[in-house]
Amino acid sequence: MQMRFSGFSSAALFQLFRDGQARTKAELVQITGLSRSTIQFRIESLIALGLIAPVSDAVSTGGRPSAQIALNPAARIIAAVDFGATMASLALTDLSGNILSRASVEMAIADGPEVCLGWMVKRIRSEIASVRRKEADLIAIGIGLPGPVEFATGRPSNPPIMPGWDNFDVPGFVNQHLKATVLVDNDVNIMALGEKKAAWPDVENMIFLKASTGIGSGIVSSDVLQRGAEGIAGDIGHVQIARGRDVPCRCGNHGCLEALAAGPALAQQLAAAGAMFNGKLIDSLGDVVAATRAGDLAAIQAVRQAGRDIGEVLTTCVSVLNPSVIAIGGSLALAGEHLLAGVREVVYSRSMPLATENLTIAQSRAGNDAGIIGASVMAIDFALSMESIDAMVAGLDSADD
């Protein structure tokens, strides 16, 4: 079926190549309704930018085969960075999201933006050199931070575990050192993008829940990541739950889900009860996960109850958002099925049958890579957007004048 487009620019034509499928000029004429000469003109601009390139000849039914053209993933590189509370991960990818190199380091986000972003800049430069590319090839940097972010400006907004980061100009700081577009979002949002890309590409409505040092969620509705008016959509860690109304939370309120069900809260509860594992008091998130995986009864019971508490909040989310998938990731999810069992127990028993009839509640399939994959997706989507390609073509045209 032919589709006709008015004012079909080179940037619009390029969007047809983003699925990675090779196409001939004849196919592009049929898809767009543009003349062959117009298609040729548009393609020449994109080839000049290196964004598309000829590939192997198409199969022909007779006569001369038709040359195919496809996205050139190696045309530019992307940096994807995922900062957690105590760990930072970084990767370089091509324009298809294939990882070219990666690195990770233990780093406290509380060390401040200059320390964390300074490491990031140095590491990006090191990784670019290691894959024998130039800094000029870096087109965009996607960054995930463990706190609320005003997406339009890339500035953190009152992040509770990030002293010194509030309203810090992350893109401005990075651009003093690296000349690439910088996009910043909450780490759970980018994990939702990564989980969807890696495991649920055809799912249009899903929730990604991260249970770790804190608790948060990323929401994809009608195939679009929902950030909300102030960038804190999905901040379910600070929803009050019934059994915790007297428990103080670091946000200043009482009874927050995070104050009862996040990793540090579980460690504190178990330590207060004198729970031991491998001859020492359980006093950290790592201890909770290790003890649970080893079959320690006290740890299992604590993690299962955390799952029930999380399920209490997710039940409301299911009624409001009607997702078809809830994927659960983060360090606490590494404790195994006990957390998921608690979530399922409450969500499936308290939600309307129609809402849960086809609802999948599963452990994250992307795992520790969810943040890196999502940061890459965020950066690639911007770098290859209509607006970005239009600007690149305009720059090419002006250089020719």
Protein backbone atom coordinates (compact mmCIF):
# COMPACT_ATOMS: atom_id res chain seq x y z
CA MET A 1 0.00 0.00 0.00
CA GLN A 2 1.38 3.38 -1.01
CA MET A 3 1.67 6.11 1.62
CA ARG A 4 1.86 9.72 0.43
CA PHE A 5 3.65 12.34 2.48
CA SER A 6 3.72 16.07 1.86
CA GLY A 7 7.10 17.72 2.46
CA PHE A 8 8.78 14.35 3.05
CA SER A 9 12.24 15.52 4.17
CA SER A 10 15.50 13.58 4.40
CA ALA A 11 14.89 13.32 8.15
CA ALA A 12 11.44 11.82 7.59
CA LEU A 13 12.85 9.38 5.05
CA PHE A 14 15.55 8.36 7.50
CA GLN A 15 12.94 7.26 10.05
CA LEU A 16 12.03 4.41 7.68
CA PHE A 17 15.54 2.99 8.11
CA ARG A 18 15.51 2.95 11.90
CA ASP A 19 14.07 -0.57 12.04
CA GLY A 20 17.32 -1.83 10.53
CA GLN A 21 15.65 -3.27 7.45
CA ALA A 22 17.40 -2.77 4.11
CA ARG A 23 15.32 -1.21 1.33
CA THR A 24 15.74 -0.41 -2.34
CA LYS A 25 15.01 2.96 -3.89
CA ALA A 26 12.05 1.42 -5.68
CA GLU A 27 10.62 0.28 -2.34
CA LEU A 28 11.08 3.77 -0.90
CA VAL A 29 9.24 5.25 -3.89
CA GLN A 30 6.37 2.86 -3.27
CA ILE A 31 6.25 3.54 0.48
CA THR A 32 6.44 7.33 0.29
CA GLY A 33 4.86 8.14 -3.06
CA LEU A 34 7.81 10.42 -3.85
CA SER A 35 9.50 10.46 -7.25
CA ARG A 36 12.67 8.47 -7.78
CA SER A 37 14.67 11.68 -8.28
CA THR A 38 13.43 13.09 -4.96
CA ILE A 39 14.28 9.84 -3.19
CA GLN A 40 17.76 9.95 -4.73
CA PHE A 41 18.26 13.54 -3.53
CA ARG A 42 17.17 12.68 0.02
CA ILE A 43 19.34 9.58 0.13
CA GLU A 44 22.42 11.45 -1.01
CA SER A 45 22.20 13.76 2.05
CA LEU A 46 21.85 10.83 4.43
CA ILE A 47 24.74 8.94 2.80
CA ALA A 48 26.89 12.08 3.01
CA LEU A 49 26.21 12.14 6.76
CA GLY A 50 27.13 8.46 6.96
CA LEU A 51 23.77 7.59 8.54
CA ILE A 52 22.80 5.15 5.81
CA ALA A 53 24.93 3.10 3.43
CA PRO A 54 24.56 0.63 0.57
CA VAL A 55 24.44 -3.03 1.57
CA SER A 56 24.47 -6.31 -0.33
CA ASP A 57 22.37 -6.52 -3.49
CA ALA A 58 18.73 -7.45 -3.20
CA VAL A 59 17.47 -10.71 -4.60
CA SER A 60 16.10 -10.12 -8.10
CA THR A 61 13.64 -12.10 -10.18
CA GLY A 62 15.62 -11.34 -13.31
CA GLY A 63 17.86 -8.70 -14.80
CA ARG A 64 20.12 -6.46 -12.74
CA PRO A 65 19.65 -6.73 -8.93
CA SER A 66 18.51 -3.58 -7.11
CA ALA A 67 20.97 -2.06 -4.62
CA GLN A 68 19.72 -1.96 -1.05
CA ILE A 69 20.32 0.78 1.50
CA ALA A 70 20.17 0.45 5.29
CA LEU A 71 21.00 2.21 8.54
CA ASN A 72 24.74 2.42 9.20
CA PRO A 73 24.95 1.73 12.96
CA ALA A 74 28.64 2.63 13.04
CA ALA A 75 28.04 6.19 11.80
CA ARG A 76 28.08 7.62 15.32
CA ILE A 77 28.52 6.40 18.89
CA ILE A 78 26.42 6.83 22.01
CA ALA A 79 27.48 6.94 25.67
CA ALA A 80 25.05 5.37 28.14
CA VAL A 81 25.57 5.93 31.87
CA ASP A 82 23.62 4.53 34.82
CA PHE A 83 24.36 6.00 38.25
CA GLY A 84 22.99 4.14 41.25
CA ALA A 85 23.32 4.97 44.92
CA THR A 86 26.63 3.10 45.25
CA MET A 87 27.52 1.95 41.72
CA ALA A 88 28.09 3.56 38.33
CA SER A 89 27.97 1.73 35.00
CA LEU A 90 28.90 3.08 31.59
CA ALA A 91 28.84 1.77 28.03
CA LEU A 92 29.48 2.94 24.50
CA THR A 93 27.00 1.72 21.89
CA ASP A 94 26.43 2.12 18.19
CA LEU A 95 23.23 3.57 16.72
CA SER A 96 21.50 0.19 16.97
CA GLY A 97 22.24 -0.05 20.69
CA ASN A 98 24.92 -2.73 20.32
CA ILE A 99 27.41 -2.39 23.18
CA LEU A 100 30.95 -1.63 21.99
CA SER A 101 32.63 -1.31 25.39
CA ARG A 102 31.59 -1.03 29.00
CA ALA A 103 32.87 -0.28 32.49
CA SER A 104 31.57 -0.11 36.04
CA VAL A 105 32.89 1.11 39.36
CA GLU A 106 31.75 1.36 42.96
CA MET A 107 30.90 5.01 43.50
CA ALA A 108 28.68 6.83 45.97
CA ILE A 109 26.27 9.25 44.31
CA ALA A 110 26.54 11.22 47.56
CA ASP A 111 30.12 12.14 46.59
CA GLY A 112 28.54 14.90 44.49
CA PRO A 113 28.18 15.83 40.84
CA GLU A 114 31.73 17.03 40.19
CA VAL A 115 33.21 13.73 41.40
CA CYS A 116 30.70 11.46 39.69
CA LEU A 117 30.45 13.35 36.41
CA GLY A 118 34.21 13.93 36.41
CA TRP A 119 34.74 10.17 36.50
CA MET A 120 32.15 9.76 33.76
CA VAL A 121 33.84 12.24 31.42
CA LYS A 122 37.27 10.63 31.88
CA ARG A 123 35.86 7.15 31.41
CA ILE A 124 33.93 8.06 28.27
CA ARG A 125 37.12 9.47 26.75
CA SER A 126 39.00 6.33 27.74
CA GLU A 127 36.37 4.04 26.24
CA ILE A 128 36.24 6.08 23.01
CA ALA A 129 40.00 5.61 22.65
CA SER A 130 39.72 1.90 23.42
CA VAL A 131 37.32 1.32 20.50
CA ARG A 132 39.47 3.53 18.23
CA ARG A 133 36.89 6.20 17.62
CA LYS A 134 37.08 9.99 17.84
CA GLU A 135 35.30 12.24 20.34
CA ALA A 136 33.64 13.90 17.33
CA ASP A 137 31.85 10.57 16.67
CA LEU A 138 30.03 10.87 20.02
CA ILE A 139 26.59 12.26 19.19
CA ALA A 140 24.67 11.89 22.46
CA ILE A 141 25.07 10.88 26.11
CA GLY A 142 22.22 9.32 28.09
CA ILE A 143 22.49 9.51 31.89
CA GLY A 144 20.32 7.93 34.58
CA LEU A 145 20.37 9.35 38.13
CA PRO A 146 18.84 7.84 41.30
CA GLY A 147 16.48 10.71 42.03
CA PRO A 148 13.87 13.03 40.49
CA VAL A 149 15.05 14.86 37.37
CA GLU A 150 13.50 17.73 35.43
CA PHE A 151 13.85 16.07 32.05
CA ALA A 152 13.61 19.25 29.98
CA THR A 153 16.69 20.76 31.66
CA GLY A 154 18.53 17.67 32.87
CA ARG A 155 18.69 19.08 36.39
CA PRO A 156 18.01 16.90 39.48
CA SER A 157 15.13 18.17 41.60
CA ASN A 158 15.39 17.75 45.40
CA PRO A 159 16.91 14.23 45.19
CA PRO A 160 16.80 12.72 48.70
CA ILE A 161 20.01 10.65 48.49
CA MET A 162 22.05 13.01 46.30
CA PRO A 163 23.54 15.86 48.39
CA GLY A 164 24.93 18.64 46.22
CA TRP A 165 22.98 17.59 43.13
CA ASP A 166 19.82 19.66 43.56
CA ASN A 167 19.32 21.85 40.46
CA PHE A 168 22.86 21.06 39.28
CA ASP A 169 23.29 21.75 35.56
CA VAL A 170 24.37 18.26 34.49
CA PRO A 171 24.32 18.92 30.71
CA GLY A 172 26.16 22.21 31.19
CA PHE A 173 28.92 20.57 33.23
CA VAL A 174 29.35 17.69 30.80
CA ASN A 175 29.40 20.00 27.77
CA GLN A 176 32.39 21.83 29.23
CA HIS A 177 34.30 18.65 28.41
CA LEU A 178 32.38 16.67 25.78
CA LYS A 179 30.54 18.26 22.85
CA ALA A 180 27.54 15.97 22.57
CA THR A 181 23.86 16.30 23.45
CA VAL A 182 23.31 15.26 27.07
CA LEU A 183 20.00 13.76 28.20
CA VAL A 184 19.31 13.04 31.87
CA ASP A 185 16.47 11.13 33.49
CA ASN A 186 15.57 9.26 36.65
CA ASP A 187 17.31 5.88 36.75
CA VAL A 188 14.06 3.93 37.05
CA ASN A 189 12.69 5.59 33.92
CA ILE A 190 15.69 4.53 31.89
CA MET A 191 15.48 1.03 33.38
CA ALA A 192 11.88 0.85 32.18
CA LEU A 193 13.04 1.81 28.68
CA GLY A 194 15.79 -0.79 28.84
CA GLU A 195 13.55 -3.56 30.11
CA LYS A 196 11.01 -2.86 27.40
CA LYS A 197 13.65 -2.78 24.67
CA ALA A 198 15.37 -5.97 25.83
CA ALA A 199 12.45 -8.12 26.93
CA TRP A 200 9.03 -6.72 26.06
CA PRO A 201 9.35 -4.80 22.75
CA ASP A 202 5.73 -5.41 21.76
CA VAL A 203 4.21 -4.50 25.15
CA GLU A 204 2.59 -1.05 25.14
CA ASN A 205 1.57 -0.84 28.81
CA MET A 206 3.98 -1.90 31.52
CA ILE A 207 5.46 -0.95 34.88
CA PHE A 208 9.09 -1.46 35.79
CA LEU A 209 9.64 -1.53 39.54
CA LYS A 210 13.09 -1.13 41.04
CA ALA A 211 13.52 -2.42 44.59
CA SER A 212 16.95 -1.67 45.98
CA THR A 213 18.30 1.05 48.29
CA GLY A 214 15.09 2.87 47.37
CA ILE A 215 11.88 1.89 45.60
CA GLY A 216 10.58 3.51 42.43
CA SER A 217 8.86 2.65 39.18
CA GLY A 218 8.95 3.57 35.53
CA ILE A 219 5.64 3.67 33.67
CA VAL A 220 5.13 2.97 29.98
CA SER A 221 1.59 3.73 28.83
CA SER A 222 0.42 3.43 25.22
CA ASP A 223 4.07 2.78 24.30
CA VAL A 224 5.23 6.13 25.76
CA LEU A 225 7.35 6.61 28.90
CA GLN A 226 5.36 8.72 31.36
CA ARG A 227 7.43 11.30 33.23
CA GLY A 228 4.63 13.45 34.63
CA ALA A 229 4.41 17.21 35.06
CA GLU A 230 7.47 17.51 37.32
CA GLY A 231 9.35 14.35 36.33
CA ILE A 232 8.36 12.23 39.33
CA ALA A 233 5.72 9.96 37.80
CA GLY A 234 6.13 6.48 39.27
CA ASP A 235 7.66 7.61 42.58
CA ILE A 236 5.77 4.92 44.47
CA GLY A 237 8.43 4.56 47.16
CA HIS A 238 6.86 7.49 48.99
CA VAL A 239 3.29 6.26 48.90
CA GLN A 240 2.02 5.56 52.40
CA ILE A 241 1.04 2.00 53.31
CA ALA A 242 -1.29 1.05 56.11
CA ARG A 243 1.01 -0.89 58.43
CA GLY A 244 3.77 1.72 58.42
CA ARG A 245 2.00 4.90 59.46
CA ASP A 246 4.37 5.44 62.42
CA VAL A 247 7.60 4.57 60.61
CA PRO A 248 9.66 7.67 59.67
CA CYS A 249 11.02 8.00 56.14
CA ARG A 250 14.09 9.91 54.98
CA CYS A 251 11.77 12.15 52.91
CA GLY A 252 10.35 13.58 56.14
CA ASN A 253 7.00 11.79 56.08
CA HIS A 254 5.88 8.62 57.82
CA GLY A 255 4.70 5.27 56.55
CA CYS A 256 6.32 5.39 53.09
CA LEU A 257 6.68 2.12 51.24
CA GLU A 258 10.43 2.68 50.98
CA ALA A 259 10.76 3.03 54.76
CA LEU A 260 9.40 -0.48 55.22
CA ALA A 261 10.28 -2.47 52.11
CA ALA A 262 13.53 -1.10 50.63
CA GLY A 263 16.80 -2.95 51.19
CA PRO A 264 18.19 -0.79 54.03
CA ALA A 265 14.85 -0.96 55.85
CA LEU A 266 14.85 -4.76 55.71
CA ALA A 267 18.46 -4.88 56.91
CA GLN A 268 17.58 -2.58 59.81
CA GLN A 269 14.57 -4.71 60.75
CA LEU A 270 16.58 -7.93 60.69
CA ALA A 271 19.49 -6.40 62.61
CA ALA A 272 17.09 -5.12 65.28
CA ALA A 273 15.72 -8.64 65.62
CA GLY A 274 19.26 -10.04 66.03
CA ALA A 275 19.13 -12.04 62.78
CA MET A 276 22.49 -13.61 61.91
CA PHE A 277 23.94 -14.99 58.68
CA ASN A 278 27.33 -16.66 58.28
CA GLY A 279 28.18 -15.78 61.85
CA LYS A 280 27.48 -12.05 61.59
CA LEU A 281 24.57 -9.73 62.11
CA ILE A 282 22.53 -9.04 58.98
CA ASP A 283 23.02 -5.29 58.52
CA SER A 284 23.14 -4.53 54.78
CA LEU A 285 21.13 -5.05 51.61
CA GLY A 286 23.79 -7.47 50.37
CA ASP A 287 23.39 -9.52 53.57
CA VAL A 288 19.61 -9.62 53.12
CA VAL A 289 19.92 -10.91 49.55
CA ALA A 290 22.60 -13.47 50.41
CA ALA A 291 20.70 -14.77 53.44
CA THR A 292 17.46 -15.06 51.49
CA ARG A 293 19.12 -16.94 48.65
CA ALA A 294 20.72 -19.28 51.19
CA GLY A 295 17.32 -20.13 52.67
CA ASP A 296 17.51 -18.19 55.93
CA LEU A 297 13.97 -18.19 57.31
CA ALA A 298 14.04 -14.72 58.92
CA ALA A 299 15.38 -13.13 55.74
CA ILE A 300 12.85 -14.96 53.57
CA GLN A 301 9.98 -13.80 55.77
CA ALA A 302 11.22 -10.19 55.65
CA VAL A 303 11.59 -10.22 51.87
CA ARG A 304 8.20 -11.89 51.39
CA GLN A 305 6.56 -9.19 53.55
CA ALA A 306 8.36 -6.51 51.53
CA GLY A 307 6.80 -8.07 48.45
CA ARG A 308 3.36 -7.85 50.04
CA ASP A 309 3.92 -4.18 50.94
CA ILE A 310 5.04 -3.42 47.38
CA GLY A 311 2.05 -5.36 46.10
CA GLU A 312 -0.29 -3.17 48.16
CA VAL A 313 0.85 -0.09 46.24
CA LEU A 314 1.02 -1.89 42.90
CA THR A 315 -2.59 -2.99 43.29
CA THR A 316 -3.65 0.64 43.00
CA CYS A 317 -1.31 1.09 40.04
CA VAL A 318 -2.91 -1.89 38.30
CA SER A 319 -6.36 -0.36 38.71
CA VAL A 320 -5.23 3.05 37.46
CA LEU A 321 -2.87 2.05 34.64
CA ASN A 322 -4.00 -1.46 33.64
CA PRO A 323 -0.53 -2.72 32.61
CA SER A 324 -0.02 -6.07 30.93
CA VAL A 325 3.45 -6.51 32.46
CA ILE A 326 5.01 -5.63 35.80
CA ALA A 327 8.75 -6.28 35.69
CA ILE A 328 10.62 -6.19 38.99
CA GLY A 329 14.34 -5.40 39.11
CA GLY A 330 16.94 -3.88 41.39
CA SER A 331 19.24 -5.47 43.95
CA LEU A 332 16.43 -6.74 46.17
CA ALA A 333 14.93 -8.65 43.25
CA LEU A 334 18.11 -10.74 43.24
CA ALA A 335 16.78 -12.39 46.39
CA GLY A 336 14.78 -14.62 44.04
CA GLU A 337 11.16 -15.61 43.90
CA HIS A 338 10.33 -14.64 47.48
CA LEU A 339 9.90 -10.94 46.67
CA LEU A 340 7.83 -11.71 43.57
CA ALA A 341 5.73 -14.22 45.50
CA GLY A 342 4.71 -11.53 47.98
CA VAL A 343 3.89 -9.08 45.19
CA ARG A 344 1.82 -11.64 43.29
CA GLU A 345 0.01 -12.75 46.43
CA VAL A 346 -1.42 -9.28 47.03
CA VAL A 347 -1.85 -7.98 43.47
CA TYR A 348 -3.63 -11.07 42.17
CA SER A 349 -5.89 -11.35 45.21
CA ARG A 350 -6.89 -7.68 45.53
CA SER A 351 -7.13 -6.49 41.93
CA MET A 352 -10.16 -6.87 39.71
CA PRO A 353 -10.07 -10.17 37.78
CA LEU A 354 -10.27 -8.41 34.42
CA ALA A 355 -7.17 -6.33 35.27
CA THR A 356 -5.09 -9.39 36.19
CA GLU A 357 -6.44 -11.93 33.71
CA ASN A 358 -3.51 -11.32 31.34
CA LEU A 359 -1.15 -9.56 33.74
CA THR A 360 2.40 -10.90 33.94
CA ILE A 361 4.42 -10.17 37.07
CA ALA A 362 8.00 -11.23 36.43
CA GLN A 363 11.57 -10.62 37.46
CA SER A 364 13.45 -8.23 35.19
CA ARG A 365 14.90 -10.02 32.18
CA ALA A 366 17.36 -7.25 31.38
CA GLY A 367 18.74 -7.42 34.93
CA ASN A 368 21.73 -5.20 35.67
CA ASP A 369 21.84 -4.09 32.03
CA ALA A 370 18.40 -2.44 32.12
CA GLY A 371 19.77 1.00 33.00
CA ILE A 372 22.55 0.95 30.40
CA ILE A 373 20.21 -0.28 27.68
CA GLY A 374 17.61 2.34 28.61
CA ALA A 375 20.11 5.20 28.69
CA SER A 376 21.23 4.14 25.23
CA VAL A 377 17.63 3.97 23.97
CA MET A 378 16.94 7.47 25.33
CA ALA A 379 20.05 8.92 23.69
CA ILE A 380 19.53 7.12 20.36
CA ASP A 381 15.89 8.17 20.15
CA PHE A 382 16.95 11.80 20.48
CA ALA A 383 19.99 11.55 18.21
CA LEU A 384 17.98 9.94 15.40
CA SER A 385 14.81 11.98 15.83
CA MET A 386 13.35 14.07 13.01
CA GLU A 387 14.57 17.27 14.68
CA SER A 388 18.14 16.03 15.12
CA ILE A 389 18.45 14.68 11.58
CA ASP A 390 16.95 17.89 10.17
CA ALA A 391 19.63 19.87 12.02
CA MET A 392 22.39 17.59 10.71
CA VAL A 393 21.14 17.91 7.13
CA ALA A 394 20.88 21.70 7.51
CA GLY A 395 24.46 21.79 8.76
CA LEU A 396 25.56 19.74 5.77
CA ASP A 397 23.74 22.08 3.39
CA SER A 398 25.25 25.20 4.98
CA ALA A 399 28.73 23.70 4.74
CA ASP A 400 28.20 23.22 0.99
CA ASP A 401 27.18 26.86 0.44
